[in-house]
Amino acid sequence: MASAEQRYQFRGKVISVERESRQITVEHDEIKGYMGAMTMPFPLADEKTLGRINKKNDLIEAILVVGGSGWRLENVVIK
């Protein structure tokens, strides 16, 4: 049985874009109730979002979805 997904507010700065693996590495702020600030890779939920994030240092806000088969970023907004 898959575990229920949890959602967290997410903010950070893009460090790199890895198009082949459909993920971005982000230096993120503390994710309250989940983890402290750090730099790590995150998969994206869809190709459109990957296409919109086109450079290092983009500031983003998103929803971090945790559960099921891991984690991913959804509803990404480039600031």
C-alpha atoms as a PDB file:
ATOM      1  CA  MET A   1       0.000   0.000   0.000  1.00  0.00           C
ATOM      2  CA  ALA A   2       1.445   3.389  -1.005  1.00  0.00           C
ATOM      3  CA  SER A   3       1.935   5.945   1.727  1.00  0.00           C
ATOM      4  CA  ALA A   4      -0.071   9.171   1.632  1.00  0.00           C
ATOM      5  CA  GLU A   5       1.631  12.113  -0.034  1.00  0.00           C
ATOM      6  CA  GLN A   6       2.566  15.145   2.009  1.00  0.00           C
ATOM      7  CA  ARG A   7       3.074  18.639   0.590  1.00  0.00           C
ATOM      8  CA  TYR A   8       5.425  21.382   1.734  1.00  0.00           C
ATOM      9  CA  GLN A   9       6.067  24.970   0.658  1.00  0.00           C
ATOM     10  CA  PHE A  10       9.431  25.123  -1.135  1.00  0.00           C
ATOM     11  CA  ARG A  11      11.696  28.071  -2.065  1.00  0.00           C
ATOM     12  CA  GLY A  12      15.208  28.117  -3.458  1.00  0.00           C
ATOM     13  CA  LYS A  13      17.759  29.037  -6.103  1.00  0.00           C
ATOM     14  CA  VAL A  14      18.499  26.795  -9.095  1.00  0.00           C
ATOM     15  CA  ILE A  15      22.134  25.673  -9.106  1.00  0.00           C
ATOM     16  CA  SER A  16      21.947  23.483 -12.214  1.00  0.00           C
ATOM     17  CA  VAL A  17      19.464  22.054 -14.721  1.00  0.00           C
ATOM     18  CA  GLU A  18      19.897  18.403 -15.735  1.00  0.00           C
ATOM     19  CA  ARG A  19      17.560  18.027 -18.706  1.00  0.00           C
ATOM     20  CA  GLU A  20      18.514  14.407 -19.480  1.00  0.00           C
ATOM     21  CA  SER A  21      17.470  13.233 -16.016  1.00  0.00           C
ATOM     22  CA  ARG A  22      14.537  15.725 -15.780  1.00  0.00           C
ATOM     23  CA  GLN A  23      15.751  17.259 -12.548  1.00  0.00           C
ATOM     24  CA  ILE A  24      17.155  20.464 -11.126  1.00  0.00           C
ATOM     25  CA  THR A  25      19.626  20.974  -8.316  1.00  0.00           C
ATOM     26  CA  VAL A  26      18.385  23.616  -5.904  1.00  0.00           C
ATOM     27  CA  GLU A  27      19.914  25.467  -2.962  1.00  0.00           C
ATOM     28  CA  HIS A  28      16.700  25.556  -0.922  1.00  0.00           C
ATOM     29  CA  ASP A  29      15.507  27.279   2.217  1.00  0.00           C
ATOM     30  CA  GLU A  30      14.420  25.307   5.262  1.00  0.00           C
ATOM     31  CA  ILE A  31      11.364  23.188   4.488  1.00  0.00           C
ATOM     32  CA  LYS A  32       9.401  23.647   7.706  1.00  0.00           C
ATOM     33  CA  GLY A  33       8.385  20.365   9.250  1.00  0.00           C
ATOM     34  CA  TYR A  34      10.549  18.299   6.882  1.00  0.00           C
ATOM     35  CA  MET A  35      14.240  19.289   6.487  1.00  0.00           C
ATOM     36  CA  GLY A  36      16.758  22.057   6.955  1.00  0.00           C
ATOM     37  CA  ALA A  37      18.211  24.248   4.226  1.00  0.00           C
ATOM     38  CA  MET A  38      20.620  22.481   1.851  1.00  0.00           C
ATOM     39  CA  THR A  39      21.534  21.922  -1.799  1.00  0.00           C
ATOM     40  CA  MET A  40      20.216  18.804  -3.537  1.00  0.00           C
ATOM     41  CA  PRO A  41      18.622  17.504  -6.762  1.00  0.00           C
ATOM     42  CA  PHE A  42      14.849  17.334  -7.239  1.00  0.00           C
ATOM     43  CA  PRO A  43      12.886  15.666 -10.043  1.00  0.00           C
ATOM     44  CA  LEU A  44      10.272  17.778 -11.787  1.00  0.00           C
ATOM     45  CA  ALA A  45       6.685  16.692 -12.277  1.00  0.00           C
ATOM     46  CA  ASP A  46       6.475  17.588 -15.977  1.00  0.00           C
ATOM     47  CA  GLU A  47       8.409  18.525 -19.132  1.00  0.00           C
ATOM     48  CA  LYS A  48       6.803  21.984 -19.439  1.00  0.00           C
ATOM     49  CA  THR A  49       8.303  23.039 -16.131  1.00  0.00           C
ATOM     50  CA  LEU A  50      11.726  21.777 -17.136  1.00  0.00           C
ATOM     51  CA  GLY A  51      11.489  23.839 -20.327  1.00  0.00           C
ATOM     52  CA  ARG A  52      10.656  27.026 -18.391  1.00  0.00           C
ATOM     53  CA  ILE A  53      13.612  26.734 -16.023  1.00  0.00           C
ATOM     54  CA  ASN A  54      16.419  27.605 -18.348  1.00  0.00           C
ATOM     55  CA  LYS A  55      19.228  29.028 -16.313  1.00  0.00           C
ATOM     56  CA  LYS A  56      21.262  28.804 -13.197  1.00  0.00           C
ATOM     57  CA  ASN A  57      20.306  31.225 -10.407  1.00  0.00           C
ATOM     58  CA  ASP A  58      16.562  31.250 -11.239  1.00  0.00           C
ATOM     59  CA  LEU A  59      14.669  31.747  -7.968  1.00  0.00           C
ATOM     60  CA  ILE A  60      11.750  29.368  -7.626  1.00  0.00           C
ATOM     61  CA  GLU A  61       8.807  28.631  -5.379  1.00  0.00           C
ATOM     62  CA  ALA A  62       7.059  25.281  -5.568  1.00  0.00           C
ATOM     63  CA  ILE A  63       5.268  22.542  -3.695  1.00  0.00           C
ATOM     64  CA  LEU A  64       7.492  19.657  -2.607  1.00  0.00           C
ATOM     65  CA  VAL A  65       5.465  16.441  -2.760  1.00  0.00           C
ATOM     66  CA  VAL A  66       6.794  13.613  -0.573  1.00  0.00           C
ATOM     67  CA  GLY A  67       5.502  10.056  -0.489  1.00  0.00           C
ATOM     68  CA  GLY A  68       4.729   7.148  -2.731  1.00  0.00           C
ATOM     69  CA  SER A  69       7.825   6.620  -4.864  1.00  0.00           C
ATOM     70  CA  GLY A  70       9.927   9.498  -3.471  1.00  0.00           C
ATOM     71  CA  TRP A  71       9.666  13.229  -3.932  1.00  0.00           C
ATOM     72  CA  ARG A  72       9.102  15.744  -6.724  1.00  0.00           C
ATOM     73  CA  LEU A  73       8.449  19.442  -7.268  1.00  0.00           C
ATOM     74  CA  GLU A  74       5.050  20.607  -8.516  1.00  0.00           C
ATOM     75  CA  ASN A  75       3.494  24.011  -9.290  1.00  0.00           C
ATOM     76  CA  VAL A  76       6.908  25.580  -9.866  1.00  0.00           C
ATOM     77  CA  VAL A  77       6.892  29.384 -10.195  1.00  0.00           C
ATOM     78  CA  ILE A  78      10.012  31.198 -11.398  1.00  0.00           C
ATOM     79  CA  LYS A  79      10.512  34.475  -9.540  1.00  0.00           C
END
